Protein backbone atom coordinates (compact mmCIF):
# COMPACT_ATOMS: atom_id res chain seq x y z
CA MET A 1 -2.46 -21.69 1.12
CA THR A 2 0.40 -23.99 -1.48
CA PRO A 3 -0.01 -22.39 -5.16
CA ARG A 4 -1.02 -26.19 -6.16
CA ARG A 5 -3.84 -25.68 -3.88
CA ARG A 6 -4.92 -22.17 -5.13
CA ALA A 7 -4.64 -23.44 -8.70
CA VAL A 8 -7.55 -26.47 -7.81
CA LEU A 9 -9.55 -23.79 -5.84
CA LEU A 10 -9.58 -21.47 -8.95
CA ALA A 11 -9.70 -24.27 -11.50
CA GLY A 12 -13.22 -25.90 -9.53
CA THR A 13 -16.63 -24.44 -9.23
CA ALA A 14 -16.11 -21.99 -6.35
CA THR A 15 -19.47 -19.60 -6.50
CA LEU A 16 -19.76 -20.08 -2.82
CA ALA A 17 -16.83 -20.42 -1.72
CA SER A 18 -15.82 -16.77 -3.23
CA ALA A 19 -17.90 -15.06 -1.47
CA VAL A 20 -15.75 -15.81 1.63
CA GLU A 21 -11.91 -16.64 -0.23
CA LEU A 22 -9.43 -14.77 2.29
CA LEU A 23 -6.34 -14.55 -0.03
CA LEU A 24 -3.60 -15.02 2.78
CA THR A 25 -1.17 -17.49 2.56
CA SER A 26 0.02 -19.80 5.17
CA ASP A 27 3.17 -21.65 6.23
CA SER A 28 4.37 -24.63 8.59
CA LEU A 29 4.20 -24.72 12.56
CA ARG A 30 7.41 -23.66 13.83
CA PRO A 31 9.36 -25.87 15.79
CA GLN A 32 10.23 -25.88 19.71
CA SER A 33 13.36 -23.83 20.93
CA GLY A 34 14.75 -22.66 24.04
CA SER A 35 16.38 -18.92 23.40
CA ARG A 36 15.20 -15.92 24.91
CA PRO A 37 14.98 -12.70 24.15
CA GLY A 38 17.91 -9.92 24.57
CA GLY A 39 19.12 -6.98 22.90
CA THR A 40 17.84 -3.37 22.92
CA THR A 41 16.01 -1.58 25.72
CA GLY A 42 13.43 -0.23 23.98
CA ALA A 43 10.45 -1.37 21.47
CA THR A 44 12.23 -1.64 18.18
CA ALA A 45 10.23 -0.45 14.90
CA ASP A 46 10.92 -1.31 11.47
CA GLN A 47 12.20 1.76 9.49
CA ARG A 48 10.31 1.54 6.78
CA SER A 49 6.46 0.37 7.96
CA GLY A 50 7.13 2.06 11.13
CA ARG A 51 5.71 -0.85 13.08
CA ARG A 52 6.43 -1.06 16.66
CA THR A 53 7.69 -4.60 18.13
CA PHE A 54 7.30 -5.31 21.43
CA HIS A 55 7.66 -8.56 23.07
CA VAL A 56 6.77 -10.81 26.00
CA ALA A 57 8.51 -13.91 27.90
CA PRO A 58 7.93 -16.04 31.46
CA GLY A 59 10.20 -14.12 33.92
CA GLY A 60 9.72 -10.44 32.26
CA ASP A 61 7.51 -7.99 34.16
CA ASP A 62 4.29 -6.31 33.51
CA ARG A 63 5.91 -3.00 34.79
CA ALA A 64 9.00 -3.08 31.75
CA VAL A 65 8.49 -1.13 28.41
CA GLY A 66 8.22 -4.73 26.75
CA ALA A 67 11.13 -3.87 24.94
CA SER A 68 13.60 -7.36 23.88
CA ALA A 69 15.49 -6.76 26.92
CA ALA A 70 13.33 -5.70 29.23
CA PRO A 71 9.57 -7.75 27.90
CA TRP A 72 6.31 -8.28 30.00
CA ALA A 73 5.61 -11.06 31.54
CA THR A 74 2.23 -11.86 30.33
CA LEU A 75 0.02 -12.20 27.70
CA SER A 76 -2.95 -10.29 29.03
CA ALA A 77 -0.52 -7.24 29.95
CA ALA A 78 0.79 -7.54 26.52
CA PHE A 79 -2.37 -8.03 24.68
CA ARG A 80 -4.31 -4.53 26.02
CA ARG A 81 -1.64 -2.81 25.26
CA LEU A 82 -1.26 -3.25 21.53
CA GLU A 83 -2.02 -0.87 19.04
CA PRO A 84 -2.73 -0.84 15.21
CA GLY A 85 0.18 -1.66 13.29
CA ASP A 86 1.75 -2.96 16.30
CA GLN A 87 3.91 -6.65 16.69
CA LEU A 88 4.14 -8.97 19.65
CA CYS A 89 6.99 -11.24 20.16
CA VAL A 90 6.02 -14.20 22.16
CA TRP A 91 9.20 -16.12 23.54
CA GLY A 92 9.22 -19.54 24.02
CA GLY A 93 7.89 -20.85 27.58
CA ASP A 94 4.76 -21.53 30.00
CA TYR A 95 2.19 -18.89 30.48
CA LEU A 96 -0.16 -19.53 32.96
CA GLU A 97 -3.13 -17.50 32.77
CA ASP A 98 -6.54 -16.44 31.76
CA VAL A 99 -6.49 -14.06 28.99
CA ASP A 100 -9.64 -11.93 28.89
CA VAL A 101 -8.85 -8.24 28.56
CA PRO A 102 -10.11 -5.56 26.26
CA LEU A 103 -8.32 -5.19 22.94
CA ASN A 104 -7.36 -2.14 20.34
CA GLY A 105 -8.85 -3.01 17.03
CA GLY A 106 -6.58 -2.84 14.03
CA THR A 107 -7.27 -1.32 10.67
CA ALA A 108 -6.74 -2.76 7.44
CA GLU A 109 -3.53 -0.33 6.95
CA ALA A 110 -2.39 -1.33 10.39
CA GLY A 111 -3.23 -4.63 11.49
CA ILE A 112 -1.98 -6.20 14.95
CA VAL A 113 0.25 -9.21 14.83
CA VAL A 114 1.08 -11.61 17.69
CA ARG A 115 3.29 -14.02 16.53
CA ALA A 116 5.92 -16.67 18.46
CA ALA A 117 9.50 -15.38 18.20
CA PRO A 118 11.48 -17.36 15.88
CA GLY A 119 12.16 -20.69 16.49
CA GLU A 120 9.74 -21.00 19.56
CA ARG A 121 6.73 -22.48 20.75
CA PRO A 122 5.00 -20.74 23.72
CA VAL A 123 2.05 -22.30 24.89
CA LEU A 124 -0.48 -20.71 26.89
CA HIS A 125 -2.21 -22.91 29.95
CA GLY A 126 -5.33 -21.72 30.16
CA LEU A 127 -8.68 -19.80 28.28
CA LEU A 128 -7.67 -17.35 25.48
CA ARG A 129 -10.40 -15.02 24.51
CA LEU A 130 -10.51 -12.36 21.80
CA HIS A 131 -13.05 -10.01 21.59
CA LYS A 132 -13.65 -8.22 18.22
CA PRO A 133 -10.32 -8.79 17.17
CA ASP A 134 -10.50 -6.27 14.19
CA PHE A 135 -7.35 -7.26 11.83
CA TRP A 136 -6.11 -9.10 14.40
CA THR A 137 -3.55 -12.42 13.20
CA VAL A 138 -2.33 -14.57 16.14
CA ARG A 139 0.58 -16.69 14.99
CA GLY A 140 2.14 -19.82 16.63
CA LEU A 141 0.32 -19.18 19.75
CA ASN A 142 -0.61 -22.52 21.51
CA VAL A 143 -2.90 -23.33 24.07
CA THR A 144 -3.80 -26.09 26.36
CA TRP A 145 -6.08 -26.99 29.29
CA ARG A 146 -5.35 -26.05 32.75
CA ARG A 147 -6.62 -28.04 35.89
CA GLY A 148 -9.40 -25.68 37.85
CA LEU A 149 -11.29 -24.73 34.57
CA ARG A 150 -14.75 -25.32 34.27
CA PRO A 151 -16.58 -27.69 31.57
CA ARG A 152 -18.65 -24.97 30.26
CA ASP A 153 -15.16 -22.27 29.80
CA HIS A 154 -14.25 -23.03 25.96
CA LEU A 155 -10.50 -23.14 25.60
CA VAL A 156 -9.98 -20.53 22.90
CA LYS A 157 -13.07 -18.16 21.97
CA VAL A 158 -13.36 -15.24 19.58
CA VAL A 159 -16.07 -13.13 19.62
CA GLY A 160 -16.89 -10.89 16.95
CA GLY A 161 -14.31 -9.39 14.84
CA ALA A 162 -13.21 -8.45 10.92
CA HIS A 163 -10.91 -9.81 9.48
CA TRP A 164 -8.77 -11.89 11.69
CA GLN A 165 -6.73 -14.77 11.85
CA PHE A 166 -5.98 -17.55 14.37
CA VAL A 167 -3.11 -19.95 12.69
CA GLU A 168 0.09 -22.07 12.83
CA ALA A 169 -1.14 -23.50 16.51
CA GLU A 170 -1.71 -26.04 18.67
CA VAL A 171 -5.23 -26.62 20.55
CA TRP A 172 -5.23 -29.49 22.73
CA ASN A 173 -7.08 -31.09 26.03
CA ALA A 174 -9.93 -29.52 26.02
CA ARG A 175 -12.39 -30.28 28.65
CA SER A 176 -15.36 -28.27 27.44
CA PHE A 177 -17.82 -27.58 24.78
CA ALA A 178 -15.45 -26.71 22.73
CA ALA A 179 -11.50 -26.32 21.94
CA VAL A 180 -12.47 -23.27 19.56
CA LEU A 181 -15.41 -21.23 19.57
CA VAL A 182 -16.17 -18.61 16.69
CA ALA A 183 -19.30 -16.67 18.21
CA GLY A 184 -20.65 -13.41 17.74
CA ALA A 185 -20.78 -11.89 14.19
CA PRO A 186 -17.27 -11.97 12.69
CA VAL A 187 -16.53 -11.02 9.11
CA ARG A 188 -14.54 -12.72 6.75
CA PHE A 189 -12.57 -14.66 9.96
CA ARG A 190 -9.51 -17.39 9.02
CA LEU A 191 -8.69 -20.46 10.83
CA ALA A 192 -5.76 -22.04 9.23
CA ASN A 193 -3.07 -24.51 10.11
CA LEU A 194 -4.54 -25.28 13.48
CA HIS A 195 -3.50 -28.62 15.05
CA VAL A 196 -6.98 -29.29 17.30
CA HIS A 197 -6.98 -32.84 19.19
CA ASP A 198 -8.24 -34.56 22.06
CA THR A 199 -11.33 -32.47 23.08
CA HIS A 200 -12.25 -34.82 26.12
CA ARG A 201 -15.90 -35.99 27.58
CA ALA A 202 -17.35 -33.41 30.22
CA ASN A 203 -20.55 -32.67 29.09
CA GLY A 204 -24.04 -33.94 27.36
CA THR A 205 -23.60 -36.80 24.83
CA ASN A 206 -21.94 -35.76 21.81
CA GLN A 207 -21.33 -31.98 23.26
CA ASP A 208 -17.32 -31.77 23.34
CA HIS A 209 -16.11 -30.36 19.87
CA LEU A 210 -12.60 -29.55 18.38
CA VAL A 211 -13.97 -26.67 16.32
CA TYR A 212 -17.79 -24.78 16.68
CA LEU A 213 -18.23 -21.86 14.59
CA ASN A 214 -21.64 -19.93 15.98
CA CYS A 215 -20.42 -17.01 13.90
CA GLY A 216 -23.29 -15.20 12.12
CA THR A 217 -23.52 -14.84 8.49
CA GLY A 218 -20.41 -12.53 7.66
CA GLY A 219 -18.47 -15.47 5.95
CA GLY A 220 -14.92 -17.41 7.43
CA VAL A 221 -13.11 -20.62 6.45
CA VAL A 222 -11.01 -23.23 8.36
CA GLU A 223 -8.30 -24.71 6.04
CA ASP A 224 -5.27 -26.80 6.15
CA CYS A 225 -5.91 -28.15 10.06
CA LEU A 226 -5.37 -31.25 11.72
CA LEU A 227 -8.53 -31.89 13.85
CA VAL A 228 -8.36 -35.44 15.43
CA GLY A 229 -10.06 -37.14 18.70
CA SER A 230 -13.11 -35.70 19.75
CA LEU A 231 -15.01 -38.85 20.89
CA ASN A 232 -18.00 -36.76 22.42
CA GLY A 233 -18.46 -34.16 19.68
CA ARG A 234 -17.52 -32.99 16.10
CA ALA A 235 -14.09 -31.63 14.51
CA VAL A 236 -16.15 -28.93 12.82
CA LYS A 237 -19.75 -28.09 14.17
CA VAL A 238 -21.68 -25.71 12.19
CA GLY A 239 -24.92 -24.00 13.56
CA PRO A 240 -26.50 -21.19 16.42
CA GLU A 241 -26.07 -22.48 19.79
CA GLU A 242 -30.12 -23.63 19.70
CA PRO A 243 -32.87 -23.79 17.48
CA GLY A 244 -34.33 -20.11 16.88
CA GLY A 245 -31.05 -18.46 17.08
CA ALA A 246 -28.74 -16.34 14.99
CA ALA A 247 -28.52 -17.75 11.56
CA VAL A 248 -24.79 -19.21 10.42
CA ALA A 249 -24.05 -18.97 7.07
CA ASN A 250 -21.29 -18.34 4.19
CA ILE A 251 -18.83 -20.93 5.48
CA VAL A 252 -16.12 -22.64 4.01
CA LEU A 253 -14.15 -25.94 5.32
CA ARG A 254 -11.54 -26.97 3.04
CA TYR A 255 -8.14 -29.02 2.73
CA ASN A 256 -8.30 -30.57 6.21
CA THR A 257 -7.80 -33.87 7.69
CA MET A 258 -10.60 -35.05 10.24
CA VAL A 259 -9.91 -38.15 11.73
CA ASP A 260 -11.65 -40.05 15.13
CA ASN A 261 -14.06 -37.78 15.82
CA THR A 262 -17.31 -39.63 16.52
CA GLY A 263 -19.82 -37.66 18.24
CA PRO A 264 -21.46 -38.60 15.71
CA SER A 265 -19.43 -37.24 12.93
CA ASN A 266 -16.52 -35.12 11.51
CA VAL A 267 -19.14 -32.39 10.44
CA GLN A 268 -22.52 -31.63 11.50
CA LEU A 269 -24.84 -29.09 10.20
CA ALA A 270 -27.88 -27.70 12.54
CA TRP A 271 -30.53 -25.60 12.61
CA ASP A 272 -30.08 -22.60 10.58
CA THR A 273 -27.03 -22.72 8.76
CA SER A 274 -27.13 -22.01 5.12
CA ASN A 275 -24.22 -21.63 2.50
CA VAL A 276 -21.33 -23.72 3.82
CA VAL A 277 -19.05 -25.41 1.68
CA VAL A 278 -17.11 -28.49 2.64
CA GLU A 279 -14.50 -29.49 0.02
CA ARG A 280 -11.01 -31.54 -0.45
CA ASN A 281 -11.18 -32.46 3.43
CA ILE A 282 -10.09 -36.35 4.40
CA MET A 283 -12.45 -37.42 7.37
CA VAL A 284 -11.81 -40.67 8.46
CA HIS A 285 -13.73 -42.70 11.40
CA ALA A 286 -17.16 -41.18 12.31
CA ALA A 287 -19.68 -43.42 14.62
CA ARG A 288 -21.31 -46.35 13.40
CA ASP A 289 -23.58 -46.31 10.95
CA ARG A 290 -23.37 -42.42 10.50
CA ALA A 291 -21.55 -40.62 7.73
CA ASN A 292 -18.51 -37.94 8.23
CA VAL A 293 -20.47 -34.93 7.53
CA THR A 294 -24.45 -35.23 9.03
CA SER A 295 -27.15 -32.61 10.00
CA PHE A 296 -29.15 -32.12 13.37
CA SER A 297 -32.45 -30.30 12.44
CA LEU A 298 -31.12 -28.40 9.47
CA THR A 299 -33.51 -25.74 8.18
CA GLY A 300 -30.86 -23.70 6.14
CA ARG A 301 -30.26 -24.38 2.37
CA ALA A 302 -27.64 -24.34 -0.05
CA ASN A 303 -24.81 -26.67 1.70
CA VAL A 304 -23.08 -28.24 -0.52
CA VAL A 305 -20.35 -31.04 0.00
CA ARG A 306 -18.03 -31.70 -2.57
CA ASP A 307 -14.79 -33.40 -3.97
CA ASN A 308 -13.95 -35.16 -0.23
CA ILE A 309 -12.46 -38.35 0.84
CA GLY A 310 -14.55 -40.58 3.50
CA TRP A 311 -13.46 -43.75 5.25
CA ARG A 312 -14.52 -45.71 8.25
CA SER A 313 -17.82 -44.02 8.17
CA ALA A 314 -21.47 -44.79 6.46
CA GLY A 315 -20.20 -42.71 3.24
CA VAL A 316 -18.96 -39.14 2.95
CA LEU A 317 -22.29 -37.20 3.47
CA GLU A 318 -26.09 -38.12 4.83
CA GLU A 319 -28.65 -39.09 2.21
CA ALA A 320 -31.68 -37.56 1.11
CA THR A 321 -30.89 -34.70 3.22
CA ALA A 322 -32.88 -31.32 2.91
CA GLY A 323 -30.26 -28.13 2.76
CA LEU A 324 -27.81 -30.30 2.19
CA ALA A 325 -26.53 -31.22 -1.29
CA ASP A 326 -23.83 -33.88 -2.61
CA GLY A 327 -22.07 -31.23 -5.31
CA GLY A 328 -20.22 -34.69 -6.44
CA GLY A 329 -16.25 -36.02 -6.29
CA ASN A 330 -16.80 -37.77 -3.46
CA PHE A 331 -15.11 -40.91 -2.61
CA SER A 332 -15.45 -43.32 0.04
CA PHE A 333 -11.44 -45.04 0.19
CA ASP A 334 -8.85 -45.50 2.79
CA PRO A 335 -6.30 -42.81 2.75
CA ARG A 336 -3.80 -44.87 4.44
CA LEU A 337 -3.31 -41.86 6.37
CA ARG A 338 0.65 -42.46 8.34
CA PRO A 339 2.02 -40.19 11.16
CA SER A 340 3.99 -37.50 10.12
CA ALA A 341 6.28 -35.30 12.54
CA ARG A 342 5.71 -31.97 10.71
CA LEU A 343 2.92 -31.54 13.70
CA ARG A 344 3.87 -31.71 17.15
CA PRO A 345 3.03 -35.21 19.44
CA PRO A 346 0.96 -36.75 20.95
CA ASN A 347 -1.04 -36.54 17.76
CA ALA A 348 1.55 -36.55 14.90
CA ALA A 349 0.30 -35.10 11.35
CA LEU A 350 -1.42 -37.76 9.53
CA VAL A 351 -0.07 -37.71 5.48
CA PRO A 352 -1.91 -39.93 3.22
CA ARG A 353 -0.05 -42.72 1.48
CA ASN A 354 -2.70 -43.41 -1.23
CA VAL A 355 -1.34 -41.22 -4.39
CA THR A 356 -5.16 -39.91 -4.89
CA ALA A 357 -5.69 -39.04 -1.57
CA ALA A 358 -2.71 -36.75 -1.19
CA ARG A 359 -4.33 -34.23 -2.96
CA TYR A 360 -6.60 -33.80 0.05
CA GLY A 361 -6.68 -33.22 3.46
CA ALA A 362 -4.27 -30.92 5.50
CA GLY A 363 -0.76 -30.17 4.14
């Protein structure tokens, strides 16, 4: 979060947001490059922190030691070997696999970090499953759909876990219920600086989302994300999977730019969903005659939509909906979005040309 945005957040009324505020910083996405690891023959260790650093690269060997000169070949083999305090450096290229392996949790003092190598662009062609990734940070690992996957397969699925982050990545071309699903009962999770786009129609009407939060009441934040192109779903759906399911609460959606999510709206809260704050977002293009923030059989309470910009919709939020309050500061006007090369194609970043709108949305 930039100092400017932190100042805006702290200056505002953030009673609900403070319950799940994660004081973490975030950087921009890393560019593509073609360099490869090399050098030492054993895992390196930071002499000050004692953190071990391992490496994985296409063309490596899962029987190797995971050093820069002898990297592992698959993310699956690498993930299962990480222990508290470890760092995994992921080198650029294509990883053709489904990652679904037991994970060791980190701790507050010794988190586990998975990061793209500097200047590299690793792409996982397949499913990413993270089960109870306590104190994990996954940074710069891009994920896309692979032929042969099933419509019920969420592309990225994180279940449970405490104090984890999935950040600075592109997730695209899902043909399933969600490109990114957060499920179980995570505590203080963070999705940030993500470019999630182009979830294609694969299931029933309005069932294919970019981000789906069915995540209990432990709290989390989605911020600084560019969420574009779910014509048969929402940019962000929040709520249990079905009526009577476990309650979902304490979510903050802030500083996101959401465009062309028409199934039926950019954000929707469903069933037993409470204490959700939707603030400082730019939301453009909902389904005809629908607002940018909608509800579906909402029985939860204390959900607030405030200080957002909406366009090409029936309004920023639905009117007269129990459990969904207009917190003020919501405006409908054209933010005049223009492409930017800061995030990768095919959907480039969208930067407001309107001076007022520049204080909202991702960036």
